[in-house]
Amino acid sequence: MTDISCLLAGLAQLSTPVILLILWRKTNARILPAFAAFAVCIPVFMIAGFIRMGFSHDNPWIYYWQQGLLYGIFEEGAKFLMFRFLLESYDNRKDAVTYGIGHASYESLGAGLSCLGLIGAENVHPAIFWINLWGAIEGAAFAIGATVLIFYGIQMGKSKKILPVVILLHTILNASKGIFIESFAIVFCTLLTVAVCYVAYRCYQNLWDELEIE
């Protein structure tokens, strides 16, 4: 039963962003931003992971806050740089959602493979499937919401205000998953992600979308 849970957990992580991308593609959204996001995540996570290796584990609170800030700056900063300088022609609001899904797919790939690697192992968390199903959905939702906010900031000339806020929210989300007990972290992160997605949805609605009008 444990091996089946690990298998299902891995499949949940691996399939969630793929399903989202397939469904989102049906809105005639362009697909390239998803591949661009996945590609840029490779060096971003490698460099951030290398830097994280130098963090001290003596104080868990400091460690998780450092880690959260590190990945907040690298991940959200990379999104800003991509849309500001490399994906300038991808100025449709749908492109932001596509990019967010691509970003989430990279994170889910690592988590999914980790779950599959636990097949046959002992002391596996009994709720591994449910935790990873939640993680896949919550992770994709936050990645999409944060990307839309950054995209909105660029399009509306408000990046100086929005980008730091998104980095801070990313930091809080990441740090809380390590600092707080599991049940509280799940509730807190879910509420935070819902709030981010709601604001992102309002911003998405306010964006002028020429391709839709055409």
N, C-alpha and C. Protein backbone atom coordinates (compact mmCIF):
# COMPACT_ATOMS: atom_id res chain seq x y z
N MET A 1 0.83 -1.21 0.00
CA MET A 1 0.00 0.00 0.00
C MET A 1 0.86 1.26 0.00
N THR A 2 1.98 1.22 0.72
CA THR A 2 2.89 2.37 0.77
C THR A 2 3.48 2.65 -0.59
N ASP A 3 3.87 1.59 -1.30
CA ASP A 3 4.45 1.78 -2.63
C ASP A 3 3.43 2.39 -3.59
N ILE A 4 2.18 1.98 -3.46
CA ILE A 4 1.13 2.53 -4.31
C ILE A 4 0.93 4.01 -4.00
N SER A 5 1.00 4.37 -2.71
CA SER A 5 0.85 5.77 -2.32
C SER A 5 1.99 6.61 -2.90
N CYS A 6 3.20 6.07 -2.87
CA CYS A 6 4.35 6.79 -3.45
C CYS A 6 4.17 6.95 -4.95
N LEU A 7 3.68 5.91 -5.60
CA LEU A 7 3.45 5.97 -7.04
C LEU A 7 2.40 7.01 -7.37
N LEU A 8 1.29 6.98 -6.65
CA LEU A 8 0.22 7.95 -6.89
C LEU A 8 0.67 9.37 -6.58
N ALA A 9 1.48 9.53 -5.53
CA ALA A 9 2.00 10.85 -5.18
C ALA A 9 2.88 11.39 -6.30
N GLY A 10 3.73 10.53 -6.83
CA GLY A 10 4.60 10.93 -7.93
C GLY A 10 3.81 11.30 -9.17
N LEU A 11 2.81 10.50 -9.49
CA LEU A 11 1.97 10.78 -10.66
C LEU A 11 1.18 12.06 -10.48
N ALA A 12 0.74 12.33 -9.25
CA ALA A 12 0.00 13.57 -8.98
C ALA A 12 0.88 14.79 -9.25
N GLN A 13 2.11 14.71 -8.80
CA GLN A 13 3.04 15.83 -9.02
C GLN A 13 3.37 16.00 -10.50
N LEU A 14 3.62 14.89 -11.17
CA LEU A 14 4.05 14.96 -12.57
C LEU A 14 2.91 15.35 -13.52
N SER A 15 1.70 14.92 -13.20
CA SER A 15 0.59 15.12 -14.12
C SER A 15 -0.13 16.46 -13.96
N THR A 16 -0.12 17.02 -12.76
CA THR A 16 -0.88 18.25 -12.51
C THR A 16 -0.53 19.39 -13.48
N PRO A 17 0.74 19.79 -13.61
CA PRO A 17 1.05 20.89 -14.54
C PRO A 17 0.79 20.52 -16.00
N VAL A 18 0.96 19.24 -16.34
CA VAL A 18 0.70 18.81 -17.72
C VAL A 18 -0.78 18.96 -18.05
N ILE A 19 -1.63 18.52 -17.13
CA ILE A 19 -3.07 18.65 -17.32
C ILE A 19 -3.46 20.13 -17.42
N LEU A 20 -2.89 20.95 -16.56
CA LEU A 20 -3.19 22.39 -16.59
C LEU A 20 -2.78 23.00 -17.93
N LEU A 21 -1.63 22.61 -18.43
CA LEU A 21 -1.13 23.16 -19.69
C LEU A 21 -2.02 22.73 -20.86
N ILE A 22 -2.44 21.47 -20.86
CA ILE A 22 -3.32 20.98 -21.93
C ILE A 22 -4.65 21.74 -21.92
N LEU A 23 -5.21 21.91 -20.73
CA LEU A 23 -6.48 22.63 -20.62
C LEU A 23 -6.32 24.10 -20.99
N TRP A 24 -5.22 24.71 -20.56
CA TRP A 24 -4.99 26.12 -20.84
C TRP A 24 -4.74 26.35 -22.32
N ARG A 25 -4.11 25.39 -22.98
CA ARG A 25 -3.82 25.50 -24.41
C ARG A 25 -5.11 25.60 -25.22
N LYS A 26 -6.20 25.06 -24.70
CA LYS A 26 -7.47 25.09 -25.39
C LYS A 26 -8.05 26.51 -25.47
N THR A 27 -7.47 27.46 -24.71
CA THR A 27 -7.92 28.85 -24.79
C THR A 27 -7.17 29.61 -25.88
N ASN A 28 -6.41 28.85 -26.69
CA ASN A 28 -5.57 29.43 -27.76
C ASN A 28 -4.38 30.21 -27.22
N ALA A 29 -3.97 29.88 -26.02
CA ALA A 29 -2.78 30.51 -25.44
C ALA A 29 -1.53 30.00 -26.14
N ARG A 30 -0.54 30.86 -26.25
CA ARG A 30 0.73 30.44 -26.85
C ARG A 30 1.50 29.55 -25.88
N ILE A 31 2.18 28.56 -26.41
CA ILE A 31 2.78 27.53 -25.58
C ILE A 31 4.25 27.79 -25.23
N LEU A 32 4.95 28.62 -26.02
CA LEU A 32 6.38 28.81 -25.82
C LEU A 32 6.77 29.31 -24.43
N PRO A 33 6.00 30.22 -23.80
CA PRO A 33 6.40 30.67 -22.47
C PRO A 33 6.54 29.55 -21.46
N ALA A 34 5.79 28.47 -21.61
CA ALA A 34 5.91 27.35 -20.68
C ALA A 34 7.26 26.67 -20.81
N PHE A 35 7.71 26.47 -22.04
CA PHE A 35 9.01 25.85 -22.26
C PHE A 35 10.15 26.79 -21.85
N ALA A 36 9.94 28.09 -22.07
CA ALA A 36 10.95 29.07 -21.65
C ALA A 36 11.09 29.06 -20.14
N ALA A 37 9.96 28.98 -19.44
CA ALA A 37 9.99 28.95 -17.97
C ALA A 37 10.70 27.71 -17.47
N PHE A 38 10.38 26.56 -18.06
CA PHE A 38 11.02 25.31 -17.64
C PHE A 38 12.53 25.38 -17.86
N ALA A 39 12.92 25.91 -19.01
CA ALA A 39 14.35 25.99 -19.34
C ALA A 39 15.11 26.90 -18.39
N VAL A 40 14.53 28.06 -18.08
CA VAL A 40 15.23 29.02 -17.23
C VAL A 40 15.28 28.55 -15.78
N CYS A 41 14.34 27.68 -15.39
CA CYS A 41 14.33 27.15 -14.03
C CYS A 41 15.55 26.27 -13.75
N ILE A 42 16.08 25.65 -14.78
CA ILE A 42 17.22 24.73 -14.60
C ILE A 42 18.43 25.47 -14.01
N PRO A 43 18.94 26.53 -14.66
CA PRO A 43 20.07 27.24 -14.05
C PRO A 43 19.69 27.99 -12.78
N VAL A 44 18.46 28.52 -12.72
CA VAL A 44 18.03 29.27 -11.54
C VAL A 44 18.06 28.40 -10.30
N PHE A 45 17.49 27.21 -10.38
CA PHE A 45 17.45 26.32 -9.22
C PHE A 45 18.82 25.73 -8.91
N MET A 46 19.62 25.52 -9.93
CA MET A 46 20.98 24.99 -9.70
C MET A 46 21.83 26.00 -8.94
N ILE A 47 21.78 27.25 -9.37
CA ILE A 47 22.58 28.29 -8.71
C ILE A 47 22.07 28.53 -7.29
N ALA A 48 20.75 28.62 -7.15
CA ALA A 48 20.17 28.84 -5.82
C ALA A 48 20.50 27.67 -4.89
N GLY A 49 20.44 26.45 -5.42
CA GLY A 49 20.76 25.28 -4.62
C GLY A 49 22.21 25.27 -4.18
N PHE A 50 23.09 25.73 -5.06
CA PHE A 50 24.52 25.80 -4.72
C PHE A 50 24.75 26.81 -3.61
N ILE A 51 24.08 27.96 -3.69
CA ILE A 51 24.21 28.98 -2.65
C ILE A 51 23.64 28.48 -1.33
N ARG A 52 22.52 27.76 -1.40
CA ARG A 52 21.88 27.25 -0.19
C ARG A 52 22.78 26.28 0.57
N MET A 53 23.65 25.61 -0.11
CA MET A 53 24.55 24.66 0.53
C MET A 53 25.45 25.34 1.56
N GLY A 54 25.64 26.64 1.41
CA GLY A 54 26.48 27.38 2.34
C GLY A 54 25.75 27.90 3.56
N PHE A 55 24.44 27.70 3.63
CA PHE A 55 23.66 28.18 4.76
C PHE A 55 23.86 27.27 5.97
N SER A 56 23.94 27.88 7.13
CA SER A 56 24.08 27.11 8.37
C SER A 56 22.73 26.56 8.82
N HIS A 57 22.74 25.32 9.35
CA HIS A 57 21.52 24.69 9.86
C HIS A 57 21.39 24.83 11.37
N ASP A 58 22.27 25.60 11.98
CA ASP A 58 22.27 25.70 13.45
C ASP A 58 20.95 26.25 13.97
N ASN A 59 20.41 27.24 13.30
CA ASN A 59 19.13 27.84 13.70
C ASN A 59 18.11 27.59 12.59
N PRO A 60 17.16 26.67 12.78
CA PRO A 60 16.19 26.35 11.73
C PRO A 60 15.40 27.56 11.24
N TRP A 61 15.04 28.46 12.16
CA TRP A 61 14.27 29.64 11.76
C TRP A 61 15.06 30.49 10.76
N ILE A 62 16.30 30.77 11.09
CA ILE A 62 17.13 31.58 10.20
C ILE A 62 17.36 30.86 8.89
N TYR A 63 17.58 29.56 8.94
CA TYR A 63 17.84 28.77 7.74
C TYR A 63 16.66 28.82 6.78
N TYR A 64 15.45 28.60 7.29
CA TYR A 64 14.29 28.57 6.40
C TYR A 64 13.94 29.95 5.87
N TRP A 65 14.17 30.99 6.67
CA TRP A 65 13.93 32.34 6.17
C TRP A 65 14.96 32.69 5.10
N GLN A 66 16.21 32.30 5.29
CA GLN A 66 17.24 32.54 4.28
C GLN A 66 16.91 31.79 2.99
N GLN A 67 16.50 30.55 3.15
CA GLN A 67 16.16 29.74 1.99
C GLN A 67 14.96 30.34 1.25
N GLY A 68 13.94 30.75 2.00
CA GLY A 68 12.76 31.34 1.38
C GLY A 68 13.10 32.60 0.61
N LEU A 69 13.92 33.46 1.20
CA LEU A 69 14.32 34.70 0.54
C LEU A 69 15.17 34.42 -0.69
N LEU A 70 16.07 33.46 -0.56
CA LEU A 70 16.94 33.10 -1.68
C LEU A 70 16.13 32.68 -2.90
N TYR A 71 15.22 31.74 -2.69
CA TYR A 71 14.41 31.25 -3.82
C TYR A 71 13.39 32.29 -4.27
N GLY A 72 12.92 33.12 -3.35
CA GLY A 72 12.01 34.18 -3.73
C GLY A 72 12.67 35.14 -4.70
N ILE A 73 13.89 35.54 -4.39
CA ILE A 73 14.62 36.47 -5.25
C ILE A 73 14.95 35.83 -6.59
N PHE A 74 15.47 34.60 -6.55
CA PHE A 74 15.89 33.94 -7.79
C PHE A 74 14.71 33.59 -8.69
N GLU A 75 13.66 32.99 -8.13
CA GLU A 75 12.53 32.56 -8.95
C GLU A 75 11.72 33.72 -9.49
N GLU A 76 11.33 34.62 -8.60
CA GLU A 76 10.50 35.74 -9.06
C GLU A 76 11.33 36.74 -9.86
N GLY A 77 12.60 36.89 -9.48
CA GLY A 77 13.48 37.77 -10.24
C GLY A 77 13.68 37.26 -11.66
N ALA A 78 13.79 35.93 -11.81
CA ALA A 78 13.95 35.34 -13.14
C ALA A 78 12.71 35.59 -13.99
N LYS A 79 11.54 35.49 -13.39
CA LYS A 79 10.30 35.75 -14.13
C LYS A 79 10.28 37.20 -14.63
N PHE A 80 10.67 38.11 -13.76
CA PHE A 80 10.69 39.52 -14.14
C PHE A 80 11.65 39.75 -15.30
N LEU A 81 12.86 39.21 -15.20
CA LEU A 81 13.85 39.41 -16.24
C LEU A 81 13.42 38.80 -17.57
N MET A 82 12.77 37.65 -17.51
CA MET A 82 12.33 36.98 -18.73
C MET A 82 11.28 37.82 -19.45
N PHE A 83 10.26 38.29 -18.74
CA PHE A 83 9.20 39.05 -19.38
C PHE A 83 9.64 40.48 -19.71
N ARG A 84 10.57 41.00 -18.95
CA ARG A 84 11.02 42.38 -19.18
C ARG A 84 12.00 42.49 -20.35
N PHE A 85 12.85 41.46 -20.53
CA PHE A 85 13.90 41.59 -21.52
C PHE A 85 13.93 40.50 -22.60
N LEU A 86 13.51 39.27 -22.28
CA LEU A 86 13.65 38.18 -23.26
C LEU A 86 12.33 37.77 -23.91
N LEU A 87 11.22 38.01 -23.25
CA LEU A 87 9.91 37.64 -23.81
C LEU A 87 9.05 38.89 -24.03
N GLU A 88 9.69 39.94 -24.53
CA GLU A 88 8.98 41.21 -24.70
C GLU A 88 7.82 41.10 -25.67
N SER A 89 7.95 40.24 -26.69
CA SER A 89 6.87 40.10 -27.67
C SER A 89 5.72 39.27 -27.12
N TYR A 90 5.94 38.60 -26.01
CA TYR A 90 4.87 37.81 -25.39
C TYR A 90 4.19 38.68 -24.33
N ASP A 91 3.39 39.61 -24.86
CA ASP A 91 2.75 40.61 -24.00
C ASP A 91 1.26 40.38 -23.81
N ASN A 92 0.80 39.17 -24.15
CA ASN A 92 -0.59 38.80 -23.91
C ASN A 92 -0.71 38.27 -22.49
N ARG A 93 -1.76 38.64 -21.79
CA ARG A 93 -1.89 38.22 -20.40
C ARG A 93 -1.95 36.70 -20.25
N LYS A 94 -2.38 36.00 -21.31
CA LYS A 94 -2.40 34.54 -21.26
C LYS A 94 -0.99 33.97 -21.17
N ASP A 95 -0.02 34.71 -21.72
CA ASP A 95 1.36 34.25 -21.68
C ASP A 95 1.87 34.14 -20.25
N ALA A 96 1.38 35.02 -19.38
CA ALA A 96 1.81 34.99 -17.97
C ALA A 96 1.35 33.70 -17.31
N VAL A 97 0.12 33.30 -17.59
CA VAL A 97 -0.41 32.05 -17.03
C VAL A 97 0.38 30.86 -17.56
N THR A 98 0.65 30.88 -18.87
CA THR A 98 1.40 29.78 -19.50
C THR A 98 2.79 29.67 -18.87
N TYR A 99 3.43 30.81 -18.65
CA TYR A 99 4.76 30.80 -18.03
C TYR A 99 4.68 30.24 -16.62
N GLY A 100 3.66 30.62 -15.88
CA GLY A 100 3.50 30.12 -14.52
C GLY A 100 3.33 28.62 -14.48
N ILE A 101 2.60 28.08 -15.45
CA ILE A 101 2.42 26.62 -15.52
C ILE A 101 3.75 25.94 -15.82
N GLY A 102 4.52 26.54 -16.72
CA GLY A 102 5.84 25.98 -17.05
C GLY A 102 6.76 25.99 -15.85
N HIS A 103 6.71 27.05 -15.07
CA HIS A 103 7.52 27.14 -13.85
C HIS A 103 7.10 26.06 -12.87
N ALA A 104 5.80 25.89 -12.71
CA ALA A 104 5.30 24.88 -11.78
C ALA A 104 5.68 23.47 -12.22
N SER A 105 5.76 23.25 -13.54
CA SER A 105 6.10 21.93 -14.04
C SER A 105 7.50 21.51 -13.64
N TYR A 106 8.41 22.48 -13.58
CA TYR A 106 9.78 22.15 -13.16
C TYR A 106 9.81 21.72 -11.70
N GLU A 107 9.12 22.45 -10.85
CA GLU A 107 9.07 22.11 -9.43
C GLU A 107 8.38 20.76 -9.21
N SER A 108 7.31 20.51 -9.96
CA SER A 108 6.59 19.25 -9.83
C SER A 108 7.41 18.07 -10.34
N LEU A 109 8.26 18.31 -11.33
CA LEU A 109 9.10 17.24 -11.84
C LEU A 109 10.02 16.71 -10.76
N GLY A 110 10.68 17.63 -10.05
CA GLY A 110 11.58 17.22 -8.97
C GLY A 110 10.85 16.51 -7.85
N ALA A 111 9.69 17.07 -7.45
CA ALA A 111 8.92 16.46 -6.38
C ALA A 111 8.37 15.11 -6.79
N GLY A 112 7.92 15.01 -8.04
CA GLY A 112 7.36 13.75 -8.52
C GLY A 112 8.40 12.65 -8.57
N LEU A 113 9.58 12.97 -9.07
CA LEU A 113 10.65 11.97 -9.14
C LEU A 113 11.09 11.54 -7.75
N SER A 114 11.07 12.48 -6.81
CA SER A 114 11.43 12.16 -5.42
C SER A 114 10.44 11.15 -4.84
N CYS A 115 9.16 11.35 -5.12
CA CYS A 115 8.13 10.42 -4.62
C CYS A 115 8.31 9.03 -5.22
N LEU A 116 8.58 8.99 -6.51
CA LEU A 116 8.78 7.70 -7.17
C LEU A 116 10.02 7.00 -6.63
N GLY A 117 11.00 7.81 -6.23
CA GLY A 117 12.23 7.24 -5.68
C GLY A 117 12.04 6.62 -4.31
N LEU A 118 10.91 6.93 -3.66
CA LEU A 118 10.63 6.37 -2.34
C LEU A 118 9.94 5.01 -2.40
N ILE A 119 9.62 4.55 -3.60
CA ILE A 119 9.00 3.24 -3.74
C ILE A 119 9.95 2.17 -3.19
N GLY A 120 9.46 1.39 -2.27
CA GLY A 120 10.28 0.35 -1.66
C GLY A 120 11.00 0.81 -0.41
N ALA A 121 10.93 2.11 -0.10
CA ALA A 121 11.60 2.63 1.08
C ALA A 121 10.73 2.44 2.32
N GLU A 122 11.36 2.55 3.49
CA GLU A 122 10.64 2.44 4.74
C GLU A 122 10.40 3.83 5.33
N ASN A 123 9.52 3.89 6.33
CA ASN A 123 9.23 5.14 7.03
C ASN A 123 8.72 6.24 6.11
N VAL A 124 7.92 5.86 5.13
CA VAL A 124 7.30 6.85 4.24
C VAL A 124 6.10 7.46 4.94
N HIS A 125 5.92 8.76 4.79
CA HIS A 125 4.79 9.44 5.43
C HIS A 125 3.48 8.80 4.98
N PRO A 126 2.61 8.43 5.89
CA PRO A 126 1.36 7.76 5.52
C PRO A 126 0.44 8.59 4.62
N ALA A 127 0.57 9.89 4.68
CA ALA A 127 -0.28 10.76 3.86
C ALA A 127 0.49 11.34 2.67
N ILE A 128 1.47 10.62 2.18
CA ILE A 128 2.34 11.14 1.12
C ILE A 128 1.55 11.52 -0.13
N PHE A 129 0.53 10.73 -0.46
CA PHE A 129 -0.26 11.06 -1.66
C PHE A 129 -1.01 12.37 -1.50
N TRP A 130 -1.74 12.50 -0.38
CA TRP A 130 -2.54 13.70 -0.16
C TRP A 130 -1.68 14.94 -0.03
N ILE A 131 -0.54 14.80 0.64
CA ILE A 131 0.37 15.94 0.80
C ILE A 131 0.89 16.40 -0.55
N ASN A 132 1.25 15.45 -1.40
CA ASN A 132 1.79 15.81 -2.71
C ASN A 132 0.71 16.26 -3.68
N LEU A 133 -0.50 15.75 -3.54
CA LEU A 133 -1.59 16.24 -4.37
C LEU A 133 -1.86 17.70 -4.03
N TRP A 134 -1.91 17.99 -2.72
CA TRP A 134 -2.08 19.38 -2.30
C TRP A 134 -0.89 20.23 -2.76
N GLY A 135 0.32 19.70 -2.60
CA GLY A 135 1.51 20.44 -2.98
C GLY A 135 1.54 20.78 -4.46
N ALA A 136 1.11 19.83 -5.30
CA ALA A 136 1.10 20.07 -6.74
C ALA A 136 0.11 21.16 -7.11
N ILE A 137 -1.08 21.10 -6.53
CA ILE A 137 -2.12 22.09 -6.84
C ILE A 137 -1.76 23.46 -6.26
N GLU A 138 -1.37 23.48 -5.00
CA GLU A 138 -1.03 24.75 -4.34
C GLU A 138 0.20 25.38 -5.01
N GLY A 139 1.19 24.55 -5.33
CA GLY A 139 2.40 25.06 -5.96
C GLY A 139 2.12 25.66 -7.33
N ALA A 140 1.29 24.98 -8.11
CA ALA A 140 0.96 25.50 -9.44
C ALA A 140 0.15 26.79 -9.33
N ALA A 141 -0.78 26.82 -8.39
CA ALA A 141 -1.61 28.01 -8.21
C ALA A 141 -0.78 29.22 -7.82
N PHE A 142 0.15 29.02 -6.88
CA PHE A 142 0.99 30.15 -6.46
C PHE A 142 1.91 30.60 -7.58
N ALA A 143 2.50 29.64 -8.30
CA ALA A 143 3.40 29.99 -9.39
C ALA A 143 2.68 30.80 -10.46
N ILE A 144 1.46 30.40 -10.79
CA ILE A 144 0.68 31.13 -11.78
C ILE A 144 0.30 32.51 -11.26
N GLY A 145 -0.21 32.55 -10.03
CA GLY A 145 -0.61 33.83 -9.45
C GLY A 145 0.54 34.82 -9.36
N ALA A 146 1.69 34.35 -8.88
CA ALA A 146 2.86 35.22 -8.75
C ALA A 146 3.33 35.72 -10.11
N THR A 147 3.28 34.86 -11.12
CA THR A 147 3.71 35.25 -12.45
C THR A 147 2.79 36.31 -13.04
N VAL A 148 1.50 36.14 -12.84
CA VAL A 148 0.54 37.13 -13.33
C VAL A 148 0.78 38.48 -12.67
N LEU A 149 1.06 38.48 -11.36
CA LEU A 149 1.31 39.74 -10.66
C LEU A 149 2.57 40.43 -11.20
N ILE A 150 3.61 39.66 -11.44
CA ILE A 150 4.85 40.24 -11.99
C ILE A 150 4.61 40.77 -13.39
N PHE A 151 3.89 40.01 -14.20
CA PHE A 151 3.54 40.44 -15.55
C PHE A 151 2.72 41.72 -15.51
N TYR A 152 1.77 41.77 -14.60
CA TYR A 152 0.94 42.96 -14.43
C TYR A 152 1.80 44.17 -14.06
N GLY A 153 2.74 43.96 -13.16
CA GLY A 153 3.62 45.05 -12.75
C GLY A 153 4.42 45.61 -13.91
N ILE A 154 4.89 44.72 -14.79
CA ILE A 154 5.66 45.16 -15.96
C ILE A 154 4.77 45.94 -16.92
N GLN A 155 3.60 45.39 -17.22
CA GLN A 155 2.70 46.01 -18.19
C GLN A 155 2.16 47.35 -17.70
N MET A 156 1.98 47.49 -16.40
CA MET A 156 1.40 48.71 -15.85
C MET A 156 2.46 49.67 -15.29
N GLY A 157 3.72 49.31 -15.44
CA GLY A 157 4.79 50.17 -14.94
C GLY A 157 4.86 50.26 -13.42
N LYS A 158 4.49 49.16 -12.75
CA LYS A 158 4.45 49.15 -11.28
C LYS A 158 5.39 48.10 -10.68
N SER A 159 6.38 47.69 -11.43
CA SER A 159 7.26 46.62 -10.96
C SER A 159 8.03 46.96 -9.70
N LYS A 160 8.36 48.23 -9.52
CA LYS A 160 9.12 48.63 -8.34
C LYS A 160 8.35 48.36 -7.05
N LYS A 161 7.02 48.35 -7.15
CA LYS A 161 6.20 48.07 -5.98
C LYS A 161 5.79 46.60 -5.91
N ILE A 162 5.41 46.04 -7.06
CA ILE A 162 4.85 44.70 -7.07
C ILE A 162 5.91 43.61 -6.92
N LEU A 163 7.04 43.75 -7.60
CA LEU A 163 8.07 42.70 -7.54
C LEU A 163 8.55 42.43 -6.12
N PRO A 164 8.90 43.46 -5.33
CA PRO A 164 9.32 43.19 -3.94
C PRO A 164 8.24 42.51 -3.11
N VAL A 165 6.97 42.87 -3.35
CA VAL A 165 5.87 42.25 -2.61
C VAL A 165 5.76 40.77 -2.96
N VAL A 166 5.88 40.45 -4.24
CA VAL A 166 5.80 39.05 -4.67
C VAL A 166 6.97 38.25 -4.09
N ILE A 167 8.15 38.84 -4.07
CA ILE A 167 9.31 38.16 -3.48
C ILE A 167 9.08 37.90 -2.00
N LEU A 168 8.51 38.89 -1.31
CA LEU A 168 8.22 38.74 0.12
C LEU A 168 7.20 37.63 0.35
N LEU A 169 6.16 37.59 -0.45
CA LEU A 169 5.13 36.55 -0.31
C LEU A 169 5.72 35.17 -0.58
N HIS A 170 6.58 35.08 -1.58
CA HIS A 170 7.26 33.82 -1.88
C HIS A 170 8.12 33.39 -0.70
N THR A 171 8.82 34.35 -0.12
CA THR A 171 9.67 34.07 1.04
C THR A 171 8.86 33.53 2.20
N ILE A 172 7.75 34.18 2.50
CA ILE A 172 6.89 33.77 3.61
C ILE A 172 6.34 32.36 3.36
N LEU A 173 5.90 32.11 2.13
CA LEU A 173 5.33 30.81 1.78
C LEU A 173 6.37 29.70 1.96
N ASN A 174 7.55 29.91 1.41
CA ASN A 174 8.60 28.89 1.50
C ASN A 174 9.04 28.66 2.94
N ALA A 175 9.25 29.74 3.66
CA ALA A 175 9.74 29.63 5.04
C ALA A 175 8.73 28.93 5.93
N SER A 176 7.45 29.24 5.75
CA SER A 176 6.42 28.66 6.62
C SER A 176 6.32 27.15 6.47
N LYS A 177 6.63 26.64 5.29
CA LYS A 177 6.56 25.19 5.07
C LYS A 177 7.63 24.44 5.87
N GLY A 178 8.70 25.13 6.20
CA GLY A 178 9.75 24.49 6.98
C GLY A 178 9.66 24.79 8.47
N ILE A 179 9.15 25.96 8.80
CA ILE A 179 9.12 26.41 10.19
C ILE A 179 7.94 25.83 10.97
N PHE A 180 6.76 25.90 10.38
CA PHE A 180 5.55 25.52 11.11
C PHE A 180 5.27 24.03 11.03
N ILE A 181 4.45 23.55 11.95
CA ILE A 181 4.06 22.16 11.92
C ILE A 181 3.22 21.93 10.66
N GLU A 182 3.22 20.70 10.20
CA GLU A 182 2.66 20.37 8.89
C GLU A 182 1.22 20.84 8.69
N SER A 183 0.34 20.53 9.62
CA SER A 183 -1.07 20.87 9.46
C SER A 183 -1.29 22.38 9.38
N PHE A 184 -0.59 23.13 10.25
CA PHE A 184 -0.75 24.59 10.24
C PHE A 184 -0.16 25.17 8.96
N ALA A 185 0.98 24.64 8.53
CA ALA A 185 1.63 25.12 7.31
C ALA A 185 0.72 24.94 6.10
N ILE A 186 0.03 23.80 6.03
CA ILE A 186 -0.86 23.54 4.91
C ILE A 186 -2.00 24.55 4.87
N VAL A 187 -2.61 24.80 6.03
CA VAL A 187 -3.72 25.76 6.10
C VAL A 187 -3.23 27.16 5.77
N PHE A 188 -2.11 27.56 6.38
CA PHE A 188 -1.58 28.91 6.17
C PHE A 188 -1.20 29.13 4.72
N CYS A 189 -0.48 28.18 4.13
CA CYS A 189 -0.03 28.32 2.74
C CYS A 189 -1.21 28.32 1.77
N THR A 190 -2.22 27.53 2.09
CA THR A 190 -3.41 27.49 1.23
C THR A 190 -4.11 28.84 1.23
N LEU A 191 -4.28 29.41 2.42
CA LEU A 191 -4.94 30.72 2.53
C LEU A 191 -4.13 31.81 1.84
N LEU A 192 -2.81 31.76 2.00
CA LEU A 192 -1.96 32.75 1.36
C LEU A 192 -2.02 32.62 -0.16
N THR A 193 -2.00 31.39 -0.64
CA THR A 193 -2.06 31.16 -2.09
C THR A 193 -3.41 31.60 -2.65
N VAL A 194 -4.49 31.33 -1.94
CA VAL A 194 -5.82 31.77 -2.38
C VAL A 194 -5.86 33.29 -2.49
N ALA A 195 -5.28 33.97 -1.51
CA ALA A 195 -5.25 35.44 -1.53
C ALA A 195 -4.45 35.95 -2.72
N VAL A 196 -3.30 35.34 -2.96
CA VAL A 196 -2.45 35.74 -4.10
C VAL A 196 -3.19 35.52 -5.41
N CYS A 197 -3.85 34.38 -5.54
CA CYS A 197 -4.57 34.07 -6.77
C CYS A 197 -5.75 35.02 -6.98
N TYR A 198 -6.41 35.42 -5.91
CA TYR A 198 -7.53 36.34 -6.04
C TYR A 198 -7.05 37.69 -6.55
N VAL A 199 -5.98 38.21 -5.96
CA VAL A 199 -5.43 39.49 -6.41
C VAL A 199 -4.93 39.37 -7.84
N ALA A 200 -4.27 38.24 -8.15
CA ALA A 200 -3.76 38.02 -9.50
C ALA A 200 -4.91 37.98 -10.51
N TYR A 201 -6.02 37.37 -10.13
CA TYR A 201 -7.19 37.30 -11.01
C TYR A 201 -7.74 38.70 -11.29
N ARG A 202 -7.79 39.53 -10.25
CA ARG A 202 -8.27 40.90 -10.44
C ARG A 202 -7.33 41.67 -11.37
N CYS A 203 -6.04 41.47 -11.19
CA CYS A 203 -5.06 42.13 -12.06
C CYS A 203 -5.18 41.61 -13.49
N TYR A 204 -5.39 40.30 -13.62
CA TYR A 204 -5.54 39.67 -14.93
C TYR A 204 -6.73 40.27 -15.68
N GLN A 205 -7.81 40.50 -14.96
CA GLN A 205 -9.01 41.08 -15.56
C GLN A 205 -8.78 42.51 -16.01
N ASN A 206 -7.88 43.21 -15.34
CA ASN A 206 -7.64 44.62 -15.66
C ASN A 206 -6.64 44.82 -16.80
N LEU A 207 -5.97 43.74 -17.20
CA LEU A 207 -4.97 43.87 -18.26
C LEU A 207 -5.65 43.99 -19.62
N TRP A 208 -5.10 44.87 -20.46
CA TRP A 208 -5.60 45.03 -21.81
C TRP A 208 -5.02 43.93 -22.68
N ASP A 209 -5.87 43.15 -23.34
CA ASP A 209 -5.41 42.00 -24.10
C ASP A 209 -5.80 42.16 -25.57
N GLU A 210 -4.84 42.62 -26.41
CA GLU A 210 -5.14 42.90 -27.79
C GLU A 210 -5.47 41.64 -28.58
N LEU A 211 -4.81 40.52 -28.25
CA LEU A 211 -5.05 39.29 -29.02
C LEU A 211 -6.47 38.80 -28.83
N GLU A 212 -7.04 38.98 -27.63
CA GLU A 212 -8.41 38.55 -27.40
C GLU A 212 -9.38 39.44 -28.17
N ILE A 213 -9.06 40.74 -28.21
CA ILE A 213 -9.94 41.68 -28.91
C ILE A 213 -9.96 41.38 -30.41
N GLU A 214 -8.81 41.03 -30.96
CA GLU A 214 -8.73 40.69 -32.36
C GLU A 214 -9.51 39.41 -32.64
